[in-house]
Amino acid sequence: MEAAIENPNLKMSSMEEKRKRKIPGVRVTSEFDSDSSMLFHKISCKLLDNLAKFKFSFQNNTQGQICEPQVSFVSKHLSLHYDLQQHTALLNTLFNVTPSFQFTSTHDLDSQQGHLSLLAHLSHLPGYSLHLSTPLPSPLRLPKATFKFPIGEVCLQEEEEEEEEQVVKDHTNNVLSLNGILKAQFLHGLCTAQYQDQHFKLTYSYKDDQISFIPTFSFPSNALSFAFKRRLTPSDKFSYWYNCDSNYWSAVYKRTYGKDFKFKAGYDSEVRLGWASLWVGDEGGKAKTAPMKMKVQFMLQVPQDDIKSSALMFRVKKRWDI
């Protein structure tokens, strides 16, 4: 029987592939916004076989000076963000005590302040959960409690309310505030009732493949507004919003060219401004999904009262994978 002869070239190529896998890839992302004239840079790489990520970010102002440098170490259960200019560190932790019980905390090492929260999912009741949160150091009041269920959520929080005609800070009353959201299907649409900060808002949303109609009523202001959206073609869409209380309105026309090109134009009567915007790359996506891993936005703003002060702005975001 002939002995098998190993190919040394195959062995060398497999060793080179293993060596390449050990070298972490470096990702460089640069973004420029003409409105603020700031350059934002972020350098990141994955460590420990993708178990953690190292980030270094900073900005360049108009004078070319480096500002707001920050170093971050991020993993699934622990993250540390250190500001090299302010010499402050922010520590975040996340642990799953059980499959249905989650513990998270945020702590500022410089100010010795933070936040602690506990999230419990009721395993025997799908869609139900209880979230408790409190600032650190914890004040002498109950933690904020949010109970979520399939058709909405209820939030109970104890707040300090200063008495009238009292200047001394110690004279405060702790009152319980109740906020909540309820959702239900109604007449082929979704009806949402929201109560927050003693204000009530009722919204009805009807949507199909071509038309969306969303009226909203607020109390005690008795303000009524509605939004109307119409899909003209698979690539064209028109949106209109009107506030019956203030007579302010806005309109937006949007046209898409495939996945990576989008044109939008609109007018807002409240600020008396017309505008047009062109996106190259998915507007809501990341740069890695855009052509050549680069997103570009051009925007033209034309004030109705002063056309000569029209401004053309642009934003560029580019990513390099090394």
C-alpha atoms as a PDB file:
ATOM      1  CA  MET A   1       0.000   0.000   0.000  1.00  0.00           C
ATOM      2  CA  GLU A   2       1.425   3.373  -0.987  1.00  0.00           C
ATOM      3  CA  ALA A   3       1.890   5.908   1.750  1.00  0.00           C
ATOM      4  CA  ALA A   4      -0.033   9.147   1.474  1.00  0.00           C
ATOM      5  CA  ILE A   5       2.149  12.121   0.607  1.00  0.00           C
ATOM      6  CA  GLU A   6       1.272  15.387   2.339  1.00  0.00           C
ATOM      7  CA  ASN A   7       1.362  18.565   0.322  1.00  0.00           C
ATOM      8  CA  PRO A   8       3.552  21.149   2.152  1.00  0.00           C
ATOM      9  CA  ASN A   9       1.920  24.031   0.267  1.00  0.00           C
ATOM     10  CA  LEU A  10      -1.487  23.101   1.660  1.00  0.00           C
ATOM     11  CA  LYS A  11      -0.051  22.968   5.168  1.00  0.00           C
ATOM     12  CA  MET A  12       1.564  26.392   4.787  1.00  0.00           C
ATOM     13  CA  SER A  13      -1.640  27.931   3.419  1.00  0.00           C
ATOM     14  CA  SER A  14      -3.690  26.601   6.364  1.00  0.00           C
ATOM     15  CA  MET A  15      -1.111  28.018   8.801  1.00  0.00           C
ATOM     16  CA  GLU A  16      -1.288  31.401   7.089  1.00  0.00           C
ATOM     17  CA  GLU A  17      -5.101  31.392   7.319  1.00  0.00           C
ATOM     18  CA  LYS A  18      -4.926  30.675  11.055  1.00  0.00           C
ATOM     19  CA  ARG A  19      -2.391  33.468  11.497  1.00  0.00           C
ATOM     20  CA  LYS A  20      -4.641  35.887   9.614  1.00  0.00           C
ATOM     21  CA  ARG A  21      -7.587  34.961  11.806  1.00  0.00           C
ATOM     22  CA  LYS A  22      -5.609  35.912  14.904  1.00  0.00           C
ATOM     23  CA  ILE A  23      -4.958  39.431  13.567  1.00  0.00           C
ATOM     24  CA  PRO A  24      -8.025  41.588  14.441  1.00  0.00           C
ATOM     25  CA  GLY A  25      -9.485  43.673  11.647  1.00  0.00           C
ATOM     26  CA  VAL A  26      -9.461  47.445  12.059  1.00  0.00           C
ATOM     27  CA  ARG A  27     -12.427  49.589  11.041  1.00  0.00           C
ATOM     28  CA  VAL A  28     -12.017  53.330  10.413  1.00  0.00           C
ATOM     29  CA  THR A  29     -15.080  55.555   9.982  1.00  0.00           C
ATOM     30  CA  SER A  30     -14.910  59.270   9.164  1.00  0.00           C
ATOM     31  CA  GLU A  31     -17.864  61.645   8.990  1.00  0.00           C
ATOM     32  CA  PHE A  32     -18.057  65.318   8.002  1.00  0.00           C
ATOM     33  CA  ASP A  33     -21.030  67.638   8.513  1.00  0.00           C
ATOM     34  CA  SER A  34     -20.866  70.991   6.716  1.00  0.00           C
ATOM     35  CA  ASP A  35     -23.424  72.503   9.112  1.00  0.00           C
ATOM     36  CA  SER A  36     -21.109  72.154  12.121  1.00  0.00           C
ATOM     37  CA  SER A  37     -17.851  72.012  10.077  1.00  0.00           C
ATOM     38  CA  MET A  38     -16.717  69.150  12.294  1.00  0.00           C
ATOM     39  CA  LEU A  39     -14.887  65.976  11.346  1.00  0.00           C
ATOM     40  CA  PHE A  40     -15.737  62.910  13.411  1.00  0.00           C
ATOM     41  CA  HIS A  41     -13.430  59.875  13.380  1.00  0.00           C
ATOM     42  CA  LYS A  42     -13.881  56.456  14.929  1.00  0.00           C
ATOM     43  CA  ILE A  43     -11.347  53.614  14.965  1.00  0.00           C
ATOM     44  CA  SER A  44     -12.484  50.212  16.214  1.00  0.00           C
ATOM     45  CA  CYS A  45     -11.360  46.600  16.234  1.00  0.00           C
ATOM     46  CA  LYS A  46     -12.701  43.356  17.664  1.00  0.00           C
ATOM     47  CA  LEU A  47     -10.685  41.481  20.278  1.00  0.00           C
ATOM     48  CA  LEU A  48     -10.663  38.064  21.949  1.00  0.00           C
ATOM     49  CA  ASP A  49     -12.300  36.278  19.025  1.00  0.00           C
ATOM     50  CA  ASN A  50     -15.076  38.893  18.715  1.00  0.00           C
ATOM     51  CA  LEU A  51     -15.909  38.751  22.432  1.00  0.00           C
ATOM     52  CA  ALA A  52     -15.021  42.436  22.931  1.00  0.00           C
ATOM     53  CA  LYS A  53     -14.506  45.591  20.911  1.00  0.00           C
ATOM     54  CA  PHE A  54     -12.031  48.457  21.314  1.00  0.00           C
ATOM     55  CA  LYS A  55     -12.996  51.937  20.095  1.00  0.00           C
ATOM     56  CA  PHE A  56     -11.173  55.243  19.840  1.00  0.00           C
ATOM     57  CA  SER A  57     -13.116  58.306  18.686  1.00  0.00           C
ATOM     58  CA  PHE A  58     -12.317  62.006  18.387  1.00  0.00           C
ATOM     59  CA  GLN A  59     -13.359  65.148  16.513  1.00  0.00           C
ATOM     60  CA  ASN A  60     -11.513  67.778  14.501  1.00  0.00           C
ATOM     61  CA  ASN A  61     -12.725  71.375  14.723  1.00  0.00           C
ATOM     62  CA  THR A  62     -12.291  74.106  12.096  1.00  0.00           C
ATOM     63  CA  GLN A  63      -8.747  74.821  13.370  1.00  0.00           C
ATOM     64  CA  GLY A  64      -7.744  71.186  12.965  1.00  0.00           C
ATOM     65  CA  GLN A  65      -7.479  70.645  16.724  1.00  0.00           C
ATOM     66  CA  ILE A  66      -8.450  67.310  18.260  1.00  0.00           C
ATOM     67  CA  CYS A  67     -11.357  67.541  20.695  1.00  0.00           C
ATOM     68  CA  GLU A  68     -13.511  65.133  22.700  1.00  0.00           C
ATOM     69  CA  PRO A  69     -11.160  62.121  22.447  1.00  0.00           C
ATOM     70  CA  GLN A  70     -12.676  58.996  23.985  1.00  0.00           C
ATOM     71  CA  VAL A  71     -11.492  55.422  24.473  1.00  0.00           C
ATOM     72  CA  SER A  72     -14.057  52.625  24.875  1.00  0.00           C
ATOM     73  CA  PHE A  73     -13.884  48.951  25.707  1.00  0.00           C
ATOM     74  CA  VAL A  74     -17.173  47.214  24.973  1.00  0.00           C
ATOM     75  CA  SER A  75     -18.209  43.626  25.641  1.00  0.00           C
ATOM     76  CA  LYS A  76     -21.506  41.823  26.136  1.00  0.00           C
ATOM     77  CA  HIS A  77     -21.601  42.214  29.926  1.00  0.00           C
ATOM     78  CA  LEU A  78     -19.177  45.097  30.599  1.00  0.00           C
ATOM     79  CA  SER A  79     -18.290  48.374  28.879  1.00  0.00           C
ATOM     80  CA  LEU A  80     -15.946  51.192  29.894  1.00  0.00           C
ATOM     81  CA  HIS A  81     -15.895  54.652  28.273  1.00  0.00           C
ATOM     82  CA  TYR A  82     -13.038  56.999  29.212  1.00  0.00           C
ATOM     83  CA  ASP A  83     -12.869  60.671  28.203  1.00  0.00           C
ATOM     84  CA  LEU A  84      -9.187  61.570  27.667  1.00  0.00           C
ATOM     85  CA  GLN A  85      -9.904  65.312  27.849  1.00  0.00           C
ATOM     86  CA  GLN A  86     -12.207  65.473  30.876  1.00  0.00           C
ATOM     87  CA  HIS A  87     -10.564  62.467  32.619  1.00  0.00           C
ATOM     88  CA  THR A  88     -13.957  60.933  33.369  1.00  0.00           C
ATOM     89  CA  ALA A  89     -14.925  57.285  33.082  1.00  0.00           C
ATOM     90  CA  LEU A  90     -18.348  55.701  32.615  1.00  0.00           C
ATOM     91  CA  LEU A  91     -18.829  52.043  33.545  1.00  0.00           C
ATOM     92  CA  ASN A  92     -21.791  49.999  32.268  1.00  0.00           C
ATOM     93  CA  THR A  93     -22.615  46.442  33.343  1.00  0.00           C
ATOM     94  CA  LEU A  94     -25.257  43.972  32.194  1.00  0.00           C
ATOM     95  CA  PHE A  95     -25.857  40.508  33.639  1.00  0.00           C
ATOM     96  CA  ASN A  96     -28.554  37.903  33.152  1.00  0.00           C
ATOM     97  CA  VAL A  97     -29.092  36.439  36.615  1.00  0.00           C
ATOM     98  CA  THR A  98     -31.624  33.991  35.156  1.00  0.00           C
ATOM     99  CA  PRO A  99     -33.064  33.684  31.623  1.00  0.00           C
ATOM    100  CA  SER A 100     -35.946  35.923  32.723  1.00  0.00           C
ATOM    101  CA  PHE A 101     -34.119  38.278  35.129  1.00  0.00           C
ATOM    102  CA  GLN A 102     -31.702  40.977  33.906  1.00  0.00           C
ATOM    103  CA  PHE A 103     -29.538  43.371  35.932  1.00  0.00           C
ATOM    104  CA  THR A 104     -28.024  46.566  34.439  1.00  0.00           C
ATOM    105  CA  SER A 105     -26.110  49.434  35.990  1.00  0.00           C
ATOM    106  CA  THR A 106     -24.397  52.662  34.915  1.00  0.00           C
ATOM    107  CA  HIS A 107     -21.772  54.317  37.113  1.00  0.00           C
ATOM    108  CA  ASP A 108     -19.790  57.534  36.623  1.00  0.00           C
ATOM    109  CA  LEU A 109     -16.497  56.951  38.408  1.00  0.00           C
ATOM    110  CA  ASP A 110     -15.734  60.675  38.646  1.00  0.00           C
ATOM    111  CA  SER A 111     -19.008  61.979  40.105  1.00  0.00           C
ATOM    112  CA  GLN A 112     -19.806  58.702  41.903  1.00  0.00           C
ATOM    113  CA  GLN A 113     -23.300  58.794  40.449  1.00  0.00           C
ATOM    114  CA  GLY A 114     -25.104  56.270  38.332  1.00  0.00           C
ATOM    115  CA  HIS A 115     -28.210  54.289  37.645  1.00  0.00           C
ATOM    116  CA  LEU A 116     -29.426  50.813  38.580  1.00  0.00           C
ATOM    117  CA  SER A 117     -32.220  48.832  36.921  1.00  0.00           C
ATOM    118  CA  LEU A 118     -33.767  45.370  37.158  1.00  0.00           C
ATOM    119  CA  LEU A 119     -35.851  43.762  34.413  1.00  0.00           C
ATOM    120  CA  ALA A 120     -37.955  40.673  35.075  1.00  0.00           C
ATOM    121  CA  HIS A 121     -39.881  38.806  32.370  1.00  0.00           C
ATOM    122  CA  LEU A 122     -42.810  36.754  33.611  1.00  0.00           C
ATOM    123  CA  SER A 123     -42.074  33.383  32.039  1.00  0.00           C
ATOM    124  CA  HIS A 124     -45.537  31.993  32.706  1.00  0.00           C
ATOM    125  CA  LEU A 125     -47.136  35.095  31.087  1.00  0.00           C
ATOM    126  CA  PRO A 126     -45.594  35.853  27.659  1.00  0.00           C
ATOM    127  CA  GLY A 127     -45.495  39.568  26.886  1.00  0.00           C
ATOM    128  CA  TYR A 128     -45.555  40.630  30.545  1.00  0.00           C
ATOM    129  CA  SER A 129     -42.541  42.211  32.257  1.00  0.00           C
ATOM    130  CA  LEU A 130     -41.657  44.420  35.247  1.00  0.00           C
ATOM    131  CA  HIS A 131     -38.886  47.023  35.104  1.00  0.00           C
ATOM    132  CA  LEU A 132     -37.524  48.726  38.266  1.00  0.00           C
ATOM    133  CA  SER A 133     -34.992  51.558  38.053  1.00  0.00           C
ATOM    134  CA  THR A 134     -33.439  54.022  40.508  1.00  0.00           C
ATOM    135  CA  PRO A 135     -30.580  56.559  40.451  1.00  0.00           C
ATOM    136  CA  LEU A 136     -27.431  56.028  42.522  1.00  0.00           C
ATOM    137  CA  PRO A 137     -26.898  57.029  45.256  1.00  0.00           C
ATOM    138  CA  SER A 138     -30.522  56.085  45.802  1.00  0.00           C
ATOM    139  CA  PRO A 139     -32.751  58.891  47.164  1.00  0.00           C
ATOM    140  CA  LEU A 140     -35.294  58.301  49.896  1.00  0.00           C
ATOM    141  CA  ARG A 141     -38.139  57.448  47.546  1.00  0.00           C
ATOM    142  CA  LEU A 142     -39.554  54.490  45.694  1.00  0.00           C
ATOM    143  CA  PRO A 143     -37.870  53.293  42.481  1.00  0.00           C
ATOM    144  CA  LYS A 144     -39.505  53.911  39.146  1.00  0.00           C
ATOM    145  CA  ALA A 145     -41.668  50.898  38.231  1.00  0.00           C
ATOM    146  CA  THR A 146     -42.844  50.094  34.703  1.00  0.00           C
ATOM    147  CA  PHE A 147     -45.198  47.194  34.069  1.00  0.00           C
ATOM    148  CA  LYS A 148     -45.536  46.105  30.435  1.00  0.00           C
ATOM    149  CA  PHE A 149     -48.269  43.880  29.044  1.00  0.00           C
ATOM    150  CA  PRO A 150     -49.352  42.926  25.510  1.00  0.00           C
ATOM    151  CA  ILE A 151     -51.633  45.960  24.959  1.00  0.00           C
ATOM    152  CA  GLY A 152     -49.515  48.656  26.635  1.00  0.00           C
ATOM    153  CA  GLU A 153     -47.618  49.668  29.753  1.00  0.00           C
ATOM    154  CA  VAL A 154     -48.113  51.502  33.062  1.00  0.00           C
ATOM    155  CA  CYS A 155     -45.367  53.509  34.770  1.00  0.00           C
ATOM    156  CA  LEU A 156     -45.450  54.599  38.426  1.00  0.00           C
ATOM    157  CA  GLN A 157     -42.837  57.050  39.709  1.00  0.00           C
ATOM    158  CA  GLU A 158     -42.365  59.051  42.899  1.00  0.00           C
ATOM    159  CA  GLU A 159     -41.315  62.647  42.290  1.00  0.00           C
ATOM    160  CA  GLU A 160     -40.539  65.692  44.387  1.00  0.00           C
ATOM    161  CA  GLU A 161     -42.996  68.568  44.178  1.00  0.00           C
ATOM    162  CA  GLU A 162     -42.029  71.849  45.780  1.00  0.00           C
ATOM    163  CA  GLU A 163     -44.698  73.595  47.813  1.00  0.00           C
ATOM    164  CA  GLU A 164     -45.853  76.993  46.647  1.00  0.00           C
ATOM    165  CA  GLU A 165     -44.408  80.029  48.392  1.00  0.00           C
ATOM    166  CA  GLN A 166     -41.646  77.862  49.861  1.00  0.00           C
ATOM    167  CA  VAL A 167     -38.028  78.652  49.125  1.00  0.00           C
ATOM    168  CA  VAL A 168     -36.341  76.211  51.478  1.00  0.00           C
ATOM    169  CA  LYS A 169     -35.371  73.086  49.551  1.00  0.00           C
ATOM    170  CA  ASP A 170     -36.167  70.758  52.455  1.00  0.00           C
ATOM    171  CA  HIS A 171     -39.860  71.595  52.245  1.00  0.00           C
ATOM    172  CA  THR A 172     -40.849  69.280  49.399  1.00  0.00           C
ATOM    173  CA  ASN A 173     -43.624  66.769  48.932  1.00  0.00           C
ATOM    174  CA  ASN A 174     -43.172  63.380  47.359  1.00  0.00           C
ATOM    175  CA  VAL A 175     -46.045  62.634  44.993  1.00  0.00           C
ATOM    176  CA  LEU A 176     -46.732  59.593  42.844  1.00  0.00           C
ATOM    177  CA  SER A 177     -47.078  60.228  39.106  1.00  0.00           C
ATOM    178  CA  LEU A 178     -48.814  57.743  36.852  1.00  0.00           C
ATOM    179  CA  ASN A 179     -48.135  57.448  33.117  1.00  0.00           C
ATOM    180  CA  GLY A 180     -49.388  54.826  30.731  1.00  0.00           C
ATOM    181  CA  ILE A 181     -50.062  53.670  27.186  1.00  0.00           C
ATOM    182  CA  LEU A 182     -52.905  51.472  25.944  1.00  0.00           C
ATOM    183  CA  LYS A 183     -53.231  50.066  22.415  1.00  0.00           C
ATOM    184  CA  ALA A 184     -56.133  48.252  20.787  1.00  0.00           C
ATOM    185  CA  GLN A 185     -57.324  47.352  17.300  1.00  0.00           C
ATOM    186  CA  PHE A 186     -60.330  49.428  16.203  1.00  0.00           C
ATOM    187  CA  LEU A 187     -62.033  49.615  12.783  1.00  0.00           C
ATOM    188  CA  HIS A 188     -59.144  48.056  10.832  1.00  0.00           C
ATOM    189  CA  GLY A 189     -56.662  50.380  12.553  1.00  0.00           C
ATOM    190  CA  LEU A 190     -54.718  50.829  15.779  1.00  0.00           C
ATOM    191  CA  CYS A 191     -56.027  53.110  18.531  1.00  0.00           C
ATOM    192  CA  THR A 192     -53.452  54.391  21.062  1.00  0.00           C
ATOM    193  CA  ALA A 193     -54.243  56.246  24.303  1.00  0.00           C
ATOM    194  CA  GLN A 194     -51.297  57.842  26.104  1.00  0.00           C
ATOM    195  CA  TYR A 195     -51.337  59.641  29.455  1.00  0.00           C
ATOM    196  CA  GLN A 196     -48.141  61.440  30.500  1.00  0.00           C
ATOM    197  CA  ASP A 197     -47.426  64.434  32.760  1.00  0.00           C
ATOM    198  CA  GLN A 198     -51.154  65.145  33.199  1.00  0.00           C
ATOM    199  CA  HIS A 199     -51.637  65.296  29.436  1.00  0.00           C
ATOM    200  CA  PHE A 200     -53.802  62.857  27.487  1.00  0.00           C
ATOM    201  CA  LYS A 201     -53.246  62.058  23.813  1.00  0.00           C
ATOM    202  CA  LEU A 202     -55.454  59.838  21.679  1.00  0.00           C
ATOM    203  CA  THR A 203     -54.159  58.612  18.309  1.00  0.00           C
ATOM    204  CA  TYR A 204     -55.812  56.479  15.668  1.00  0.00           C
ATOM    205  CA  SER A 205     -53.688  54.963  12.919  1.00  0.00           C
ATOM    206  CA  TYR A 206     -55.110  53.415   9.781  1.00  0.00           C
ATOM    207  CA  LYS A 207     -52.662  51.971   7.261  1.00  0.00           C
ATOM    208  CA  ASP A 208     -52.886  49.831   4.175  1.00  0.00           C
ATOM    209  CA  ASP A 209     -50.657  49.300   1.151  1.00  0.00           C
ATOM    210  CA  GLN A 210     -51.367  52.734  -0.316  1.00  0.00           C
ATOM    211  CA  ILE A 211     -52.902  55.072   2.299  1.00  0.00           C
ATOM    212  CA  SER A 212     -52.111  56.021   5.904  1.00  0.00           C
ATOM    213  CA  PHE A 213     -54.376  58.284   7.967  1.00  0.00           C
ATOM    214  CA  ILE A 214     -53.341  59.251  11.523  1.00  0.00           C
ATOM    215  CA  PRO A 215     -55.487  61.769  13.477  1.00  0.00           C
ATOM    216  CA  THR A 216     -54.306  62.840  16.950  1.00  0.00           C
ATOM    217  CA  PHE A 217     -56.274  64.590  19.725  1.00  0.00           C
ATOM    218  CA  SER A 218     -54.638  66.082  22.863  1.00  0.00           C
ATOM    219  CA  PHE A 219     -56.315  67.064  26.144  1.00  0.00           C
ATOM    220  CA  PRO A 220     -56.542  69.517  27.994  1.00  0.00           C
ATOM    221  CA  SER A 221     -55.155  71.625  25.140  1.00  0.00           C
ATOM    222  CA  ASN A 222     -57.908  70.291  22.825  1.00  0.00           C
ATOM    223  CA  ALA A 223     -55.360  70.297  19.997  1.00  0.00           C
ATOM    224  CA  LEU A 224     -56.253  68.266  16.920  1.00  0.00           C
ATOM    225  CA  SER A 225     -53.854  67.272  14.179  1.00  0.00           C
ATOM    226  CA  PHE A 226     -53.724  64.648  11.486  1.00  0.00           C
ATOM    227  CA  ALA A 227     -51.198  63.077   9.137  1.00  0.00           C
ATOM    228  CA  PHE A 228     -52.003  61.747   5.694  1.00  0.00           C
ATOM    229  CA  LYS A 229     -49.671  59.581   3.602  1.00  0.00           C
ATOM    230  CA  ARG A 230     -50.295  58.351   0.081  1.00  0.00           C
ATOM    231  CA  ARG A 231     -48.118  55.969  -1.909  1.00  0.00           C
ATOM    232  CA  LEU A 232     -48.423  57.140  -5.515  1.00  0.00           C
ATOM    233  CA  THR A 233     -46.205  54.455  -7.050  1.00  0.00           C
ATOM    234  CA  PRO A 234     -43.869  51.819  -5.571  1.00  0.00           C
ATOM    235  CA  SER A 235     -41.139  54.500  -5.704  1.00  0.00           C
ATOM    236  CA  ASP A 236     -43.133  57.685  -4.916  1.00  0.00           C
ATOM    237  CA  LYS A 237     -44.742  58.700  -1.639  1.00  0.00           C
ATOM    238  CA  PHE A 238     -46.463  61.900  -0.467  1.00  0.00           C
ATOM    239  CA  SER A 239     -46.958  62.892   3.201  1.00  0.00           C
ATOM    240  CA  TYR A 240     -49.018  65.755   4.642  1.00  0.00           C
ATOM    241  CA  TRP A 241     -49.378  66.905   8.266  1.00  0.00           C
ATOM    242  CA  TYR A 242     -51.792  69.575   9.537  1.00  0.00           C
ATOM    243  CA  ASN A 243     -52.343  71.063  13.006  1.00  0.00           C
ATOM    244  CA  CYS A 244     -55.920  72.306  13.328  1.00  0.00           C
ATOM    245  CA  ASP A 245     -55.127  74.343  16.459  1.00  0.00           C
ATOM    246  CA  SER A 246     -52.262  76.442  15.056  1.00  0.00           C
ATOM    247  CA  ASN A 247     -52.953  76.067  11.305  1.00  0.00           C
ATOM    248  CA  TYR A 248     -49.352  74.921  10.823  1.00  0.00           C
ATOM    249  CA  TRP A 249     -48.799  72.335   8.100  1.00  0.00           C
ATOM    250  CA  SER A 250     -45.988  70.507   6.398  1.00  0.00           C
ATOM    251  CA  ALA A 251     -45.697  68.397   3.268  1.00  0.00           C
ATOM    252  CA  VAL A 252     -43.003  65.959   2.087  1.00  0.00           C
ATOM    253  CA  TYR A 253     -42.508  64.223  -1.252  1.00  0.00           C
ATOM    254  CA  LYS A 254     -40.183  61.218  -1.369  1.00  0.00           C
ATOM    255  CA  ARG A 255     -38.882  59.244  -4.316  1.00  0.00           C
ATOM    256  CA  THR A 256     -36.525  56.277  -4.122  1.00  0.00           C
ATOM    257  CA  TYR A 257     -34.221  54.965  -6.839  1.00  0.00           C
ATOM    258  CA  GLY A 258     -33.479  51.408  -5.867  1.00  0.00           C
ATOM    259  CA  LYS A 259     -32.098  50.805  -2.388  1.00  0.00           C
ATOM    260  CA  ASP A 260     -29.259  53.309  -2.258  1.00  0.00           C
ATOM    261  CA  PHE A 261     -30.697  56.546  -3.700  1.00  0.00           C
ATOM    262  CA  LYS A 262     -33.439  58.695  -2.193  1.00  0.00           C
ATOM    263  CA  PHE A 263     -34.742  62.170  -3.015  1.00  0.00           C
ATOM    264  CA  LYS A 264     -36.948  64.129  -0.585  1.00  0.00           C
ATOM    265  CA  ALA A 265     -38.457  67.618  -0.806  1.00  0.00           C
ATOM    266  CA  GLY A 266     -40.810  69.437   1.530  1.00  0.00           C
ATOM    267  CA  TYR A 267     -42.113  72.595   3.161  1.00  0.00           C
ATOM    268  CA  ASP A 268     -42.771  73.493   6.824  1.00  0.00           C
ATOM    269  CA  SER A 269     -45.093  76.434   7.438  1.00  0.00           C
ATOM    270  CA  GLU A 270     -44.125  76.785  11.128  1.00  0.00           C
ATOM    271  CA  VAL A 271     -40.531  77.769  10.300  1.00  0.00           C
ATOM    272  CA  ARG A 272     -41.493  79.004   6.788  1.00  0.00           C
ATOM    273  CA  LEU A 273     -38.811  76.880   5.189  1.00  0.00           C
ATOM    274  CA  GLY A 274     -38.624  74.828   2.011  1.00  0.00           C
ATOM    275  CA  TRP A 275     -36.010  72.148   1.607  1.00  0.00           C
ATOM    276  CA  ALA A 276     -34.765  69.371  -0.666  1.00  0.00           C
ATOM    277  CA  SER A 277     -32.512  66.456   0.233  1.00  0.00           C
ATOM    278  CA  LEU A 278     -30.652  63.796  -1.764  1.00  0.00           C
ATOM    279  CA  TRP A 279     -29.303  60.648  -0.104  1.00  0.00           C
ATOM    280  CA  VAL A 280     -26.694  58.318  -1.605  1.00  0.00           C
ATOM    281  CA  GLY A 281     -26.801  55.208   0.566  1.00  0.00           C
ATOM    282  CA  ASP A 282     -29.582  53.965   2.816  1.00  0.00           C
ATOM    283  CA  GLU A 283     -30.749  56.925   4.949  1.00  0.00           C
ATOM    284  CA  GLY A 284     -31.399  54.792   8.028  1.00  0.00           C
ATOM    285  CA  GLY A 285     -28.685  52.187   7.413  1.00  0.00           C
ATOM    286  CA  LYS A 286     -24.981  52.032   8.112  1.00  0.00           C
ATOM    287  CA  ALA A 287     -22.089  52.983   5.879  1.00  0.00           C
ATOM    288  CA  LYS A 288     -21.055  49.343   5.412  1.00  0.00           C
ATOM    289  CA  THR A 289     -24.256  48.657   3.422  1.00  0.00           C
ATOM    290  CA  ALA A 290     -23.842  51.705   1.132  1.00  0.00           C
ATOM    291  CA  PRO A 291     -22.025  51.639  -2.238  1.00  0.00           C
ATOM    292  CA  MET A 292     -18.256  51.885  -1.672  1.00  0.00           C
ATOM    293  CA  LYS A 293     -19.144  51.962   2.051  1.00  0.00           C
ATOM    294  CA  MET A 294     -19.849  55.700   1.805  1.00  0.00           C
ATOM    295  CA  LYS A 295     -23.025  57.660   2.595  1.00  0.00           C
ATOM    296  CA  VAL A 296     -23.564  61.168   1.228  1.00  0.00           C
ATOM    297  CA  GLN A 297     -26.388  63.618   1.893  1.00  0.00           C
ATOM    298  CA  PHE A 298     -26.958  66.951   0.155  1.00  0.00           C
ATOM    299  CA  MET A 299     -29.601  69.319   1.551  1.00  0.00           C
ATOM    300  CA  LEU A 300     -30.805  72.666   0.245  1.00  0.00           C
ATOM    301  CA  GLN A 301     -32.746  74.934   2.634  1.00  0.00           C
ATOM    302  CA  VAL A 302     -34.649  77.951   1.284  1.00  0.00           C
ATOM    303  CA  PRO A 303     -36.249  80.343   3.855  1.00  0.00           C
ATOM    304  CA  GLN A 304     -39.491  81.795   2.538  1.00  0.00           C
ATOM    305  CA  ASP A 305     -38.836  85.264   4.008  1.00  0.00           C
ATOM    306  CA  ASP A 306     -35.218  85.538   2.848  1.00  0.00           C
ATOM    307  CA  ILE A 307     -34.437  83.499  -0.249  1.00  0.00           C
ATOM    308  CA  LYS A 308     -30.965  85.046  -0.511  1.00  0.00           C
ATOM    309  CA  SER A 309     -29.938  83.306   2.732  1.00  0.00           C
ATOM    310  CA  SER A 310     -30.521  79.855   1.235  1.00  0.00           C
ATOM    311  CA  ALA A 311     -27.943  77.303   2.327  1.00  0.00           C
ATOM    312  CA  LEU A 312     -26.563  74.156   0.727  1.00  0.00           C
ATOM    313  CA  MET A 313     -25.305  71.622   3.276  1.00  0.00           C
ATOM    314  CA  PHE A 314     -23.826  68.185   2.904  1.00  0.00           C
ATOM    315  CA  ARG A 315     -22.799  65.271   5.072  1.00  0.00           C
ATOM    316  CA  VAL A 316     -20.307  62.533   4.158  1.00  0.00           C
ATOM    317  CA  LYS A 317     -19.663  59.285   6.030  1.00  0.00           C
ATOM    318  CA  LYS A 318     -16.964  56.874   4.836  1.00  0.00           C
ATOM    319  CA  ARG A 319     -15.824  53.559   6.284  1.00  0.00           C
ATOM    320  CA  TRP A 320     -12.561  51.716   5.691  1.00  0.00           C
ATOM    321  CA  ASP A 321     -11.996  48.083   6.660  1.00  0.00           C
ATOM    322  CA  ILE A 322      -8.314  47.250   7.194  1.00  0.00           C
END
